[in-house]
mmCIF file of all heavy atoms, coordinates in Angstrom:
data_MODEL
# 
_entry.id   MODEL 
# 
loop_
_atom_site.group_PDB 
_atom_site.id 
_atom_site.type_symbol 
_atom_site.label_atom_id 
_atom_site.label_alt_id 
_atom_site.label_comp_id 
_atom_site.label_asym_id 
_atom_site.label_entity_id 
_atom_site.label_seq_id 
_atom_site.pdbx_PDB_ins_code 
_atom_site.Cartn_x 
_atom_site.Cartn_y 
_atom_site.Cartn_z 
_atom_site.occupancy 
_atom_site.B_iso_or_equiv 
_atom_site.pdbx_formal_charge 
_atom_site.auth_seq_id 
_atom_site.auth_comp_id 
_atom_site.auth_asym_id 
_atom_site.auth_atom_id 
_atom_site.pdbx_PDB_model_num 
ATOM 1   N N   . LYS A 1 1  ? -137.485 -63.674 -25.704 1.00 0.00 ? 1  LYS A N   1 
ATOM 2   C CA  . LYS A 1 1  ? -137.934 -65.087 -25.462 1.00 0.00 ? 1  LYS A CA  1 
ATOM 3   C C   . LYS A 1 1  ? -136.811 -66.055 -25.846 1.00 0.00 ? 1  LYS A C   1 
ATOM 4   O O   . LYS A 1 1  ? -136.111 -65.840 -26.842 1.00 0.00 ? 1  LYS A O   1 
ATOM 5   C CB  . LYS A 1 1  ? -139.199 -65.320 -26.306 1.00 0.00 ? 1  LYS A CB  1 
ATOM 6   C CG  . LYS A 1 1  ? -139.915 -66.606 -25.923 1.00 0.00 ? 1  LYS A CG  1 
ATOM 7   C CD  . LYS A 1 1  ? -141.355 -66.552 -26.516 1.00 0.00 ? 1  LYS A CD  1 
ATOM 8   C CE  . LYS A 1 1  ? -142.024 -67.944 -26.492 1.00 0.00 ? 1  LYS A CE  1 
ATOM 9   N NZ  . LYS A 1 1  ? -141.712 -68.711 -27.649 1.00 0.00 ? 1  LYS A NZ  1 
ATOM 10  N N   . GLU A 1 2  ? -136.706 -67.116 -25.133 1.00 0.00 ? 2  GLU A N   1 
ATOM 11  C CA  . GLU A 1 2  ? -135.624 -68.049 -25.246 1.00 0.00 ? 2  GLU A CA  1 
ATOM 12  C C   . GLU A 1 2  ? -135.361 -68.616 -26.634 1.00 0.00 ? 2  GLU A C   1 
ATOM 13  O O   . GLU A 1 2  ? -134.238 -68.816 -26.997 1.00 0.00 ? 2  GLU A O   1 
ATOM 14  C CB  . GLU A 1 2  ? -135.792 -69.222 -24.289 1.00 0.00 ? 2  GLU A CB  1 
ATOM 15  C CG  . GLU A 1 2  ? -135.316 -68.941 -22.843 1.00 0.00 ? 2  GLU A CG  1 
ATOM 16  C CD  . GLU A 1 2  ? -135.375 -70.193 -21.970 1.00 0.00 ? 2  GLU A CD  1 
ATOM 17  O OE1 . GLU A 1 2  ? -136.210 -71.051 -22.246 1.00 0.00 ? 2  GLU A OE1 1 
ATOM 18  O OE2 . GLU A 1 2  ? -134.528 -70.251 -21.040 1.00 0.00 ? 2  GLU A OE2 1 
ATOM 19  N N   . ASP A 1 3  ? -136.455 -68.808 -27.400 1.00 0.00 ? 3  ASP A N   1 
ATOM 20  C CA  . ASP A 1 3  ? -136.210 -69.446 -28.742 1.00 0.00 ? 3  ASP A CA  1 
ATOM 21  C C   . ASP A 1 3  ? -135.954 -68.486 -29.852 1.00 0.00 ? 3  ASP A C   1 
ATOM 22  O O   . ASP A 1 3  ? -135.930 -68.837 -31.008 1.00 0.00 ? 3  ASP A O   1 
ATOM 23  C CB  . ASP A 1 3  ? -137.432 -70.359 -29.069 1.00 0.00 ? 3  ASP A CB  1 
ATOM 24  C CG  . ASP A 1 3  ? -138.718 -69.564 -29.136 1.00 0.00 ? 3  ASP A CG  1 
ATOM 25  O OD1 . ASP A 1 3  ? -138.727 -68.352 -28.715 1.00 0.00 ? 3  ASP A OD1 1 
ATOM 26  O OD2 . ASP A 1 3  ? -139.734 -70.145 -29.579 1.00 0.00 ? 3  ASP A OD2 1 
ATOM 27  N N   . LYS A 1 4  ? -135.802 -67.188 -29.553 1.00 0.00 ? 4  LYS A N   1 
ATOM 28  C CA  . LYS A 1 4  ? -135.651 -66.187 -30.571 1.00 0.00 ? 4  LYS A CA  1 
ATOM 29  C C   . LYS A 1 4  ? -134.161 -65.931 -30.890 1.00 0.00 ? 4  LYS A C   1 
ATOM 30  O O   . LYS A 1 4  ? -133.290 -66.276 -30.115 1.00 0.00 ? 4  LYS A O   1 
ATOM 31  C CB  . LYS A 1 4  ? -136.308 -64.843 -30.178 1.00 0.00 ? 4  LYS A CB  1 
ATOM 32  C CG  . LYS A 1 4  ? -137.812 -64.926 -29.910 1.00 0.00 ? 4  LYS A CG  1 
ATOM 33  C CD  . LYS A 1 4  ? -138.572 -65.316 -31.124 1.00 0.00 ? 4  LYS A CD  1 
ATOM 34  C CE  . LYS A 1 4  ? -140.046 -65.333 -30.898 1.00 0.00 ? 4  LYS A CE  1 
ATOM 35  N NZ  . LYS A 1 4  ? -140.825 -65.619 -32.123 1.00 0.00 ? 4  LYS A NZ  1 
ATOM 36  N N   . ASN A 1 5  ? -133.878 -65.323 -32.057 1.00 0.00 ? 5  ASN A N   1 
ATOM 37  C CA  . ASN A 1 5  ? -132.552 -65.039 -32.499 1.00 0.00 ? 5  ASN A CA  1 
ATOM 38  C C   . ASN A 1 5  ? -132.051 -63.744 -31.811 1.00 0.00 ? 5  ASN A C   1 
ATOM 39  O O   . ASN A 1 5  ? -132.059 -62.639 -32.418 1.00 0.00 ? 5  ASN A O   1 
ATOM 40  C CB  . ASN A 1 5  ? -132.519 -64.884 -34.029 1.00 0.00 ? 5  ASN A CB  1 
ATOM 41  C CG  . ASN A 1 5  ? -131.103 -64.717 -34.555 1.00 0.00 ? 5  ASN A CG  1 
ATOM 42  O OD1 . ASN A 1 5  ? -130.181 -64.403 -33.821 1.00 0.00 ? 5  ASN A OD1 1 
ATOM 43  N ND2 . ASN A 1 5  ? -130.967 -64.984 -35.871 1.00 0.00 ? 5  ASN A ND2 1 
ATOM 44  N N   . ALA A 1 6  ? -131.607 -63.917 -30.574 1.00 0.00 ? 6  ALA A N   1 
ATOM 45  C CA  . ALA A 1 6  ? -131.225 -62.770 -29.758 1.00 0.00 ? 6  ALA A CA  1 
ATOM 46  C C   . ALA A 1 6  ? -130.054 -62.019 -30.356 1.00 0.00 ? 6  ALA A C   1 
ATOM 47  O O   . ALA A 1 6  ? -130.022 -60.732 -30.324 1.00 0.00 ? 6  ALA A O   1 
ATOM 48  C CB  . ALA A 1 6  ? -130.927 -63.203 -28.340 1.00 0.00 ? 6  ALA A CB  1 
ATOM 49  N N   . LYS A 1 7  ? -129.088 -62.709 -30.863 1.00 0.00 ? 7  LYS A N   1 
ATOM 50  C CA  . LYS A 1 7  ? -127.860 -62.075 -31.400 1.00 0.00 ? 7  LYS A CA  1 
ATOM 51  C C   . LYS A 1 7  ? -128.211 -61.080 -32.502 1.00 0.00 ? 7  LYS A C   1 
ATOM 52  O O   . LYS A 1 7  ? -127.784 -59.937 -32.522 1.00 0.00 ? 7  LYS A O   1 
ATOM 53  C CB  . LYS A 1 7  ? -126.881 -63.086 -31.833 1.00 0.00 ? 7  LYS A CB  1 
ATOM 54  C CG  . LYS A 1 7  ? -125.516 -62.502 -32.360 1.00 0.00 ? 7  LYS A CG  1 
ATOM 55  C CD  . LYS A 1 7  ? -124.514 -63.576 -32.612 1.00 0.00 ? 7  LYS A CD  1 
ATOM 56  C CE  . LYS A 1 7  ? -123.168 -62.977 -33.019 1.00 0.00 ? 7  LYS A CE  1 
ATOM 57  N NZ  . LYS A 1 7  ? -123.219 -62.366 -34.373 1.00 0.00 ? 7  LYS A NZ  1 
ATOM 58  N N   . GLU A 1 8  ? -128.972 -61.543 -33.504 1.00 0.00 ? 8  GLU A N   1 
ATOM 59  C CA  . GLU A 1 8  ? -129.288 -60.690 -34.640 1.00 0.00 ? 8  GLU A CA  1 
ATOM 60  C C   . GLU A 1 8  ? -130.189 -59.540 -34.190 1.00 0.00 ? 8  GLU A C   1 
ATOM 61  O O   . GLU A 1 8  ? -130.009 -58.401 -34.657 1.00 0.00 ? 8  GLU A O   1 
ATOM 62  C CB  . GLU A 1 8  ? -130.008 -61.492 -35.710 1.00 0.00 ? 8  GLU A CB  1 
ATOM 63  C CG  . GLU A 1 8  ? -130.108 -60.749 -37.049 1.00 0.00 ? 8  GLU A CG  1 
ATOM 64  C CD  . GLU A 1 8  ? -130.622 -61.632 -38.181 1.00 0.00 ? 8  GLU A CD  1 
ATOM 65  O OE1 . GLU A 1 8  ? -130.657 -62.871 -38.034 1.00 0.00 ? 8  GLU A OE1 1 
ATOM 66  O OE2 . GLU A 1 8  ? -131.077 -61.053 -39.177 1.00 0.00 ? 8  GLU A OE2 1 
ATOM 67  N N   . MET A 1 9  ? -131.085 -59.776 -33.277 1.00 0.00 ? 9  MET A N   1 
ATOM 68  C CA  . MET A 1 9  ? -131.960 -58.702 -32.765 1.00 0.00 ? 9  MET A CA  1 
ATOM 69  C C   . MET A 1 9  ? -131.153 -57.647 -32.062 1.00 0.00 ? 9  MET A C   1 
ATOM 70  O O   . MET A 1 9  ? -131.358 -56.451 -32.260 1.00 0.00 ? 9  MET A O   1 
ATOM 71  C CB  . MET A 1 9  ? -133.022 -59.273 -31.807 1.00 0.00 ? 9  MET A CB  1 
ATOM 72  C CG  . MET A 1 9  ? -134.112 -60.127 -32.555 1.00 0.00 ? 9  MET A CG  1 
ATOM 73  S SD  . MET A 1 9  ? -135.136 -61.005 -31.394 1.00 0.00 ? 9  MET A SD  1 
ATOM 74  C CE  . MET A 1 9  ? -135.996 -59.718 -30.571 1.00 0.00 ? 9  MET A CE  1 
ATOM 75  N N   . LEU A 1 10 ? -130.188 -58.073 -31.210 1.00 0.00 ? 10 LEU A N   1 
ATOM 76  C CA  . LEU A 1 10 ? -129.331 -57.086 -30.505 1.00 0.00 ? 10 LEU A CA  1 
ATOM 77  C C   . LEU A 1 10 ? -128.427 -56.313 -31.452 1.00 0.00 ? 10 LEU A C   1 
ATOM 78  O O   . LEU A 1 10 ? -128.166 -55.134 -31.265 1.00 0.00 ? 10 LEU A O   1 
ATOM 79  C CB  . LEU A 1 10 ? -128.553 -57.790 -29.401 1.00 0.00 ? 10 LEU A CB  1 
ATOM 80  C CG  . LEU A 1 10 ? -129.319 -58.322 -28.216 1.00 0.00 ? 10 LEU A CG  1 
ATOM 81  C CD1 . LEU A 1 10 ? -128.420 -59.056 -27.250 1.00 0.00 ? 10 LEU A CD1 1 
ATOM 82  C CD2 . LEU A 1 10 ? -130.110 -57.218 -27.528 1.00 0.00 ? 10 LEU A CD2 1 
ATOM 83  N N   . GLU A 1 11 ? -127.920 -57.007 -32.481 1.00 0.00 ? 11 GLU A N   1 
ATOM 84  C CA  . GLU A 1 11 ? -127.098 -56.300 -33.488 1.00 0.00 ? 11 GLU A CA  1 
ATOM 85  C C   . GLU A 1 11 ? -127.845 -55.132 -34.118 1.00 0.00 ? 11 GLU A C   1 
ATOM 86  O O   . GLU A 1 11 ? -127.249 -54.155 -34.517 1.00 0.00 ? 11 GLU A O   1 
ATOM 87  C CB  . GLU A 1 11 ? -126.599 -57.302 -34.524 1.00 0.00 ? 11 GLU A CB  1 
ATOM 88  C CG  . GLU A 1 11 ? -125.452 -58.184 -34.042 1.00 0.00 ? 11 GLU A CG  1 
ATOM 89  C CD  . GLU A 1 11 ? -125.048 -59.224 -35.074 1.00 0.00 ? 11 GLU A CD  1 
ATOM 90  O OE1 . GLU A 1 11 ? -125.926 -59.709 -35.859 1.00 0.00 ? 11 GLU A OE1 1 
ATOM 91  O OE2 . GLU A 1 11 ? -123.857 -59.516 -35.179 1.00 0.00 ? 11 GLU A OE2 1 
ATOM 92  N N   . ILE A 1 12 ? -129.148 -55.319 -34.248 1.00 0.00 ? 12 ILE A N   1 
ATOM 93  C CA  . ILE A 1 12 ? -129.991 -54.290 -34.917 1.00 0.00 ? 12 ILE A CA  1 
ATOM 94  C C   . ILE A 1 12 ? -130.308 -53.169 -33.908 1.00 0.00 ? 12 ILE A C   1 
ATOM 95  O O   . ILE A 1 12 ? -130.211 -51.962 -34.294 1.00 0.00 ? 12 ILE A O   1 
ATOM 96  C CB  . ILE A 1 12 ? -131.287 -54.880 -35.435 1.00 0.00 ? 12 ILE A CB  1 
ATOM 97  C CG1 . ILE A 1 12 ? -130.949 -55.928 -36.547 1.00 0.00 ? 12 ILE A CG1 1 
ATOM 98  C CG2 . ILE A 1 12 ? -132.234 -53.817 -35.985 1.00 0.00 ? 12 ILE A CG2 1 
ATOM 99  C CD1 . ILE A 1 12 ? -132.116 -56.847 -36.880 1.00 0.00 ? 12 ILE A CD1 1 
ATOM 100 N N   . ILE A 1 13 ? -130.627 -53.465 -32.673 1.00 0.00 ? 13 ILE A N   1 
ATOM 101 C CA  . ILE A 1 13 ? -131.163 -52.446 -31.789 1.00 0.00 ? 13 ILE A CA  1 
ATOM 102 C C   . ILE A 1 13 ? -130.026 -51.690 -31.009 1.00 0.00 ? 13 ILE A C   1 
ATOM 103 O O   . ILE A 1 13 ? -130.146 -50.498 -30.716 1.00 0.00 ? 13 ILE A O   1 
ATOM 104 C CB  . ILE A 1 13 ? -132.155 -53.070 -30.757 1.00 0.00 ? 13 ILE A CB  1 
ATOM 105 C CG1 . ILE A 1 13 ? -132.846 -51.952 -29.934 1.00 0.00 ? 13 ILE A CG1 1 
ATOM 106 C CG2 . ILE A 1 13 ? -131.479 -54.044 -29.821 1.00 0.00 ? 13 ILE A CG2 1 
ATOM 107 C CD1 . ILE A 1 13 ? -133.757 -51.076 -30.712 1.00 0.00 ? 13 ILE A CD1 1 
ATOM 108 N N   . LEU A 1 14 ? -128.936 -52.367 -30.697 1.00 0.00 ? 14 LEU A N   1 
ATOM 109 C CA  . LEU A 1 14 ? -127.930 -51.750 -29.865 1.00 0.00 ? 14 LEU A CA  1 
ATOM 110 C C   . LEU A 1 14 ? -127.310 -50.429 -30.451 1.00 0.00 ? 14 LEU A C   1 
ATOM 111 O O   . LEU A 1 14 ? -127.019 -49.518 -29.655 1.00 0.00 ? 14 LEU A O   1 
ATOM 112 C CB  . LEU A 1 14 ? -126.792 -52.762 -29.536 1.00 0.00 ? 14 LEU A CB  1 
ATOM 113 C CG  . LEU A 1 14 ? -127.153 -53.926 -28.595 1.00 0.00 ? 14 LEU A CG  1 
ATOM 114 C CD1 . LEU A 1 14 ? -126.002 -54.866 -28.425 1.00 0.00 ? 14 LEU A CD1 1 
ATOM 115 C CD2 . LEU A 1 14 ? -127.658 -53.364 -27.232 1.00 0.00 ? 14 LEU A CD2 1 
ATOM 116 N N   . PRO A 1 15 ? -127.070 -50.370 -31.710 1.00 0.00 ? 15 PRO A N   1 
ATOM 117 C CA  . PRO A 1 15 ? -126.441 -49.113 -32.247 1.00 0.00 ? 15 PRO A CA  1 
ATOM 118 C C   . PRO A 1 15 ? -127.201 -47.818 -31.977 1.00 0.00 ? 15 PRO A C   1 
ATOM 119 O O   . PRO A 1 15 ? -126.607 -46.770 -32.036 1.00 0.00 ? 15 PRO A O   1 
ATOM 120 C CB  . PRO A 1 15 ? -126.330 -49.363 -33.757 1.00 0.00 ? 15 PRO A CB  1 
ATOM 121 C CG  . PRO A 1 15 ? -126.219 -50.869 -33.863 1.00 0.00 ? 15 PRO A CG  1 
ATOM 122 C CD  . PRO A 1 15 ? -127.139 -51.394 -32.783 1.00 0.00 ? 15 PRO A CD  1 
ATOM 123 N N   . ILE A 1 16 ? -128.487 -47.910 -31.688 1.00 0.00 ? 16 ILE A N   1 
ATOM 124 C CA  . ILE A 1 16 ? -129.246 -46.650 -31.410 1.00 0.00 ? 16 ILE A CA  1 
ATOM 125 C C   . ILE A 1 16 ? -129.378 -46.394 -29.930 1.00 0.00 ? 16 ILE A C   1 
ATOM 126 O O   . ILE A 1 16 ? -130.048 -45.438 -29.482 1.00 0.00 ? 16 ILE A O   1 
ATOM 127 C CB  . ILE A 1 16 ? -130.632 -46.667 -32.105 1.00 0.00 ? 16 ILE A CB  1 
ATOM 128 C CG1 . ILE A 1 16 ? -131.590 -47.691 -31.430 1.00 0.00 ? 16 ILE A CG1 1 
ATOM 129 C CG2 . ILE A 1 16 ? -130.520 -46.820 -33.587 1.00 0.00 ? 16 ILE A CG2 1 
ATOM 130 C CD1 . ILE A 1 16 ? -133.035 -47.454 -31.842 1.00 0.00 ? 16 ILE A CD1 1 
ATOM 131 N N   . CYS A 1 17 ? -128.827 -47.254 -29.068 1.00 0.00 ? 17 CYS A N   1 
ATOM 132 C CA  . CYS A 1 17 ? -129.021 -47.133 -27.608 1.00 0.00 ? 17 CYS A CA  1 
ATOM 133 C C   . CYS A 1 17 ? -127.807 -46.503 -26.922 1.00 0.00 ? 17 CYS A C   1 
ATOM 134 O O   . CYS A 1 17 ? -126.661 -46.806 -27.266 1.00 0.00 ? 17 CYS A O   1 
ATOM 135 C CB  . CYS A 1 17 ? -129.214 -48.527 -27.009 1.00 0.00 ? 17 CYS A CB  1 
ATOM 136 S SG  . CYS A 1 17 ? -130.661 -49.399 -27.666 1.00 0.00 ? 17 CYS A SG  1 
ATOM 137 N N   . ARG A 1 18 ? -128.058 -45.637 -25.943 1.00 0.00 ? 18 ARG A N   1 
ATOM 138 C CA  . ARG A 1 18 ? -127.053 -45.091 -25.134 1.00 0.00 ? 18 ARG A CA  1 
ATOM 139 C C   . ARG A 1 18 ? -126.954 -45.821 -23.805 1.00 0.00 ? 18 ARG A C   1 
ATOM 140 O O   . ARG A 1 18 ? -125.877 -45.850 -23.148 1.00 0.00 ? 18 ARG A O   1 
ATOM 141 C CB  . ARG A 1 18 ? -127.294 -43.581 -24.857 1.00 0.00 ? 18 ARG A CB  1 
ATOM 142 C CG  . ARG A 1 18 ? -127.336 -42.740 -26.095 1.00 0.00 ? 18 ARG A CG  1 
ATOM 143 C CD  . ARG A 1 18 ? -126.037 -42.816 -26.915 1.00 0.00 ? 18 ARG A CD  1 
ATOM 144 N NE  . ARG A 1 18 ? -124.854 -42.257 -26.211 1.00 0.00 ? 18 ARG A NE  1 
ATOM 145 C CZ  . ARG A 1 18 ? -124.514 -41.002 -26.281 1.00 0.00 ? 18 ARG A CZ  1 
ATOM 146 N NH1 . ARG A 1 18 ? -125.195 -40.127 -27.032 1.00 0.00 ? 18 ARG A NH1 1 
ATOM 147 N NH2 . ARG A 1 18 ? -123.468 -40.564 -25.647 1.00 0.00 ? 18 ARG A NH2 1 
ATOM 148 N N   . LYS A 1 19 ? -128.076 -46.398 -23.388 1.00 0.00 ? 19 LYS A N   1 
ATOM 149 C CA  . LYS A 1 19 ? -128.131 -47.176 -22.100 1.00 0.00 ? 19 LYS A CA  1 
ATOM 150 C C   . LYS A 1 19 ? -129.013 -48.332 -22.367 1.00 0.00 ? 19 LYS A C   1 
ATOM 151 O O   . LYS A 1 19 ? -130.051 -48.251 -23.018 1.00 0.00 ? 19 LYS A O   1 
ATOM 152 C CB  . LYS A 1 19 ? -128.663 -46.278 -20.977 1.00 0.00 ? 19 LYS A CB  1 
ATOM 153 C CG  . LYS A 1 19 ? -128.770 -46.985 -19.663 1.00 0.00 ? 19 LYS A CG  1 
ATOM 154 C CD  . LYS A 1 19 ? -129.220 -46.004 -18.568 1.00 0.00 ? 19 LYS A CD  1 
ATOM 155 C CE  . LYS A 1 19 ? -129.378 -46.697 -17.224 1.00 0.00 ? 19 LYS A CE  1 
ATOM 156 N NZ  . LYS A 1 19 ? -129.780 -45.749 -16.160 1.00 0.00 ? 19 LYS A NZ  1 
ATOM 157 N N   . VAL A 1 20 ? -128.613 -49.499 -21.807 1.00 0.00 ? 20 VAL A N   1 
ATOM 158 C CA  . VAL A 1 20 ? -129.396 -50.720 -21.967 1.00 0.00 ? 20 VAL A CA  1 
ATOM 159 C C   . VAL A 1 20 ? -129.566 -51.387 -20.616 1.00 0.00 ? 20 VAL A C   1 
ATOM 160 O O   . VAL A 1 20 ? -128.653 -51.490 -19.825 1.00 0.00 ? 20 VAL A O   1 
ATOM 161 C CB  . VAL A 1 20 ? -128.730 -51.739 -22.923 1.00 0.00 ? 20 VAL A CB  1 
ATOM 162 C CG1 . VAL A 1 20 ? -129.431 -53.079 -22.882 1.00 0.00 ? 20 VAL A CG1 1 
ATOM 163 C CG2 . VAL A 1 20 ? -128.759 -51.221 -24.362 1.00 0.00 ? 20 VAL A CG2 1 
ATOM 164 N N   . ILE A 1 21 ? -130.778 -51.803 -20.353 1.00 0.00 ? 21 ILE A N   1 
ATOM 165 C CA  . ILE A 1 21 ? -131.091 -52.595 -19.135 1.00 0.00 ? 21 ILE A CA  1 
ATOM 166 C C   . ILE A 1 21 ? -131.664 -53.955 -19.635 1.00 0.00 ? 21 ILE A C   1 
ATOM 167 O O   . ILE A 1 21 ? -132.729 -54.004 -20.217 1.00 0.00 ? 21 ILE A O   1 
ATOM 168 C CB  . ILE A 1 21 ? -132.125 -51.901 -18.198 1.00 0.00 ? 21 ILE A CB  1 
ATOM 169 C CG1 . ILE A 1 21 ? -131.649 -50.541 -17.813 1.00 0.00 ? 21 ILE A CG1 1 
ATOM 170 C CG2 . ILE A 1 21 ? -132.353 -52.801 -16.946 1.00 0.00 ? 21 ILE A CG2 1 
ATOM 171 C CD1 . ILE A 1 21 ? -132.641 -49.742 -16.966 1.00 0.00 ? 21 ILE A CD1 1 
ATOM 172 N N   . PHE A 1 22 ? -130.831 -54.978 -19.431 1.00 0.00 ? 22 PHE A N   1 
ATOM 173 C CA  . PHE A 1 22 ? -131.352 -56.336 -19.783 1.00 0.00 ? 22 PHE A CA  1 
ATOM 174 C C   . PHE A 1 22 ? -132.145 -56.859 -18.620 1.00 0.00 ? 22 PHE A C   1 
ATOM 175 O O   . PHE A 1 22 ? -131.714 -56.809 -17.428 1.00 0.00 ? 22 PHE A O   1 
ATOM 176 C CB  . PHE A 1 22 ? -130.152 -57.300 -20.066 1.00 0.00 ? 22 PHE A CB  1 
ATOM 177 C CG  . PHE A 1 22 ? -129.417 -56.974 -21.333 1.00 0.00 ? 22 PHE A CG  1 
ATOM 178 C CD1 . PHE A 1 22 ? -128.060 -56.709 -21.325 1.00 0.00 ? 22 PHE A CD1 1 
ATOM 179 C CD2 . PHE A 1 22 ? -130.061 -56.941 -22.538 1.00 0.00 ? 22 PHE A CD2 1 
ATOM 180 C CE1 . PHE A 1 22 ? -127.383 -56.411 -22.488 1.00 0.00 ? 22 PHE A CE1 1 
ATOM 181 C CE2 . PHE A 1 22 ? -129.403 -56.617 -23.737 1.00 0.00 ? 22 PHE A CE2 1 
ATOM 182 C CZ  . PHE A 1 22 ? -128.055 -56.395 -23.714 1.00 0.00 ? 22 PHE A CZ  1 
ATOM 183 N N   . THR A 1 23 ? -133.331 -57.370 -18.921 1.00 0.00 ? 23 THR A N   1 
ATOM 184 C CA  . THR A 1 23 ? -134.236 -57.948 -17.880 1.00 0.00 ? 23 THR A CA  1 
ATOM 185 C C   . THR A 1 23 ? -134.804 -59.267 -18.341 1.00 0.00 ? 23 THR A C   1 
ATOM 186 O O   . THR A 1 23 ? -134.333 -59.854 -19.280 1.00 0.00 ? 23 THR A O   1 
ATOM 187 C CB  . THR A 1 23 ? -135.317 -56.904 -17.505 1.00 0.00 ? 23 THR A CB  1 
ATOM 188 O OG1 . THR A 1 23 ? -136.018 -57.351 -16.353 1.00 0.00 ? 23 THR A OG1 1 
ATOM 189 C CG2 . THR A 1 23 ? -136.259 -56.671 -18.692 1.00 0.00 ? 23 THR A CG2 1 
ATOM 190 N N   . SER A 1 24 ? -135.753 -59.793 -17.604 1.00 0.00 ? 24 SER A N   1 
ATOM 191 C CA  . SER A 1 24 ? -136.274 -61.115 -17.934 1.00 0.00 ? 24 SER A CA  1 
ATOM 192 C C   . SER A 1 24 ? -137.734 -61.258 -17.465 1.00 0.00 ? 24 SER A C   1 
ATOM 193 O O   . SER A 1 24 ? -138.278 -60.380 -16.793 1.00 0.00 ? 24 SER A O   1 
ATOM 194 C CB  . SER A 1 24 ? -135.434 -62.196 -17.200 1.00 0.00 ? 24 SER A CB  1 
ATOM 195 O OG  . SER A 1 24 ? -135.491 -62.032 -15.796 1.00 0.00 ? 24 SER A OG  1 
ATOM 196 N N   . TYR A 1 25 ? -138.329 -62.333 -17.877 1.00 0.00 ? 25 TYR A N   1 
ATOM 197 C CA  . TYR A 1 25 ? -139.687 -62.682 -17.422 1.00 0.00 ? 25 TYR A CA  1 
ATOM 198 C C   . TYR A 1 25 ? -139.868 -64.219 -17.482 1.00 0.00 ? 25 TYR A C   1 
ATOM 199 O O   . TYR A 1 25 ? -139.147 -64.921 -18.177 1.00 0.00 ? 25 TYR A O   1 
ATOM 200 C CB  . TYR A 1 25 ? -140.768 -62.057 -18.321 1.00 0.00 ? 25 TYR A CB  1 
ATOM 201 C CG  . TYR A 1 25 ? -140.699 -62.408 -19.799 1.00 0.00 ? 25 TYR A CG  1 
ATOM 202 C CD1 . TYR A 1 25 ? -141.189 -63.603 -20.272 1.00 0.00 ? 25 TYR A CD1 1 
ATOM 203 C CD2 . TYR A 1 25 ? -140.036 -61.511 -20.734 1.00 0.00 ? 25 TYR A CD2 1 
ATOM 204 C CE1 . TYR A 1 25 ? -141.071 -63.937 -21.636 1.00 0.00 ? 25 TYR A CE1 1 
ATOM 205 C CE2 . TYR A 1 25 ? -139.975 -61.835 -22.041 1.00 0.00 ? 25 TYR A CE2 1 
ATOM 206 C CZ  . TYR A 1 25 ? -140.479 -63.060 -22.519 1.00 0.00 ? 25 TYR A CZ  1 
ATOM 207 O OH  . TYR A 1 25 ? -140.359 -63.382 -23.812 1.00 0.00 ? 25 TYR A OH  1 
ATOM 208 N N   . GLU A 1 26 ? -140.776 -64.699 -16.695 1.00 0.00 ? 26 GLU A N   1 
ATOM 209 C CA  . GLU A 1 26 ? -141.202 -66.067 -16.715 1.00 0.00 ? 26 GLU A CA  1 
ATOM 210 C C   . GLU A 1 26 ? -142.734 -66.077 -16.482 1.00 0.00 ? 26 GLU A C   1 
ATOM 211 O O   . GLU A 1 26 ? -143.196 -65.629 -15.405 1.00 0.00 ? 26 GLU A O   1 
ATOM 212 C CB  . GLU A 1 26 ? -140.534 -66.937 -15.674 1.00 0.00 ? 26 GLU A CB  1 
ATOM 213 C CG  . GLU A 1 26 ? -140.920 -68.408 -15.762 1.00 0.00 ? 26 GLU A CG  1 
ATOM 214 C CD  . GLU A 1 26 ? -140.078 -69.272 -14.819 1.00 0.00 ? 26 GLU A CD  1 
ATOM 215 O OE1 . GLU A 1 26 ? -138.866 -68.949 -14.604 1.00 0.00 ? 26 GLU A OE1 1 
ATOM 216 O OE2 . GLU A 1 26 ? -140.634 -70.276 -14.302 1.00 0.00 ? 26 GLU A OE2 1 
ATOM 217 N N   . ILE A 1 27 ? -143.472 -66.501 -17.466 1.00 0.00 ? 27 ILE A N   1 
ATOM 218 C CA  . ILE A 1 27 ? -144.938 -66.347 -17.471 1.00 0.00 ? 27 ILE A CA  1 
ATOM 219 C C   . ILE A 1 27 ? -145.539 -67.738 -17.652 1.00 0.00 ? 27 ILE A C   1 
ATOM 220 O O   . ILE A 1 27 ? -145.146 -68.527 -18.472 1.00 0.00 ? 27 ILE A O   1 
ATOM 221 C CB  . ILE A 1 27 ? -145.399 -65.446 -18.594 1.00 0.00 ? 27 ILE A CB  1 
ATOM 222 C CG1 . ILE A 1 27 ? -144.836 -64.033 -18.384 1.00 0.00 ? 27 ILE A CG1 1 
ATOM 223 C CG2 . ILE A 1 27 ? -146.923 -65.355 -18.692 1.00 0.00 ? 27 ILE A CG2 1 
ATOM 224 C CD1 . ILE A 1 27 ? -144.895 -63.115 -19.581 1.00 0.00 ? 27 ILE A CD1 1 
ATOM 225 N N   . ILE A 1 28 ? -146.602 -68.004 -16.859 1.00 0.00 ? 28 ILE A N   1 
ATOM 226 C CA  . ILE A 1 28 ? -147.444 -69.192 -17.021 1.00 0.00 ? 28 ILE A CA  1 
ATOM 227 C C   . ILE A 1 28 ? -148.574 -68.833 -17.921 1.00 0.00 ? 28 ILE A C   1 
ATOM 228 O O   . ILE A 1 28 ? -149.461 -68.069 -17.515 1.00 0.00 ? 28 ILE A O   1 
ATOM 229 C CB  . ILE A 1 28 ? -147.894 -69.769 -15.668 1.00 0.00 ? 28 ILE A CB  1 
ATOM 230 C CG1 . ILE A 1 28 ? -146.706 -70.138 -14.831 1.00 0.00 ? 28 ILE A CG1 1 
ATOM 231 C CG2 . ILE A 1 28 ? -148.787 -71.012 -15.933 1.00 0.00 ? 28 ILE A CG2 1 
ATOM 232 C CD1 . ILE A 1 28 ? -147.135 -70.592 -13.435 1.00 0.00 ? 28 ILE A CD1 1 
# 
């Protein structure tokens, strides 16, 4: 979500990933 701390979240999750698919959503 746009207002979240994406950098810190990715720093935590990326080291355990071999493949990443970045995607998106827009919800009413």
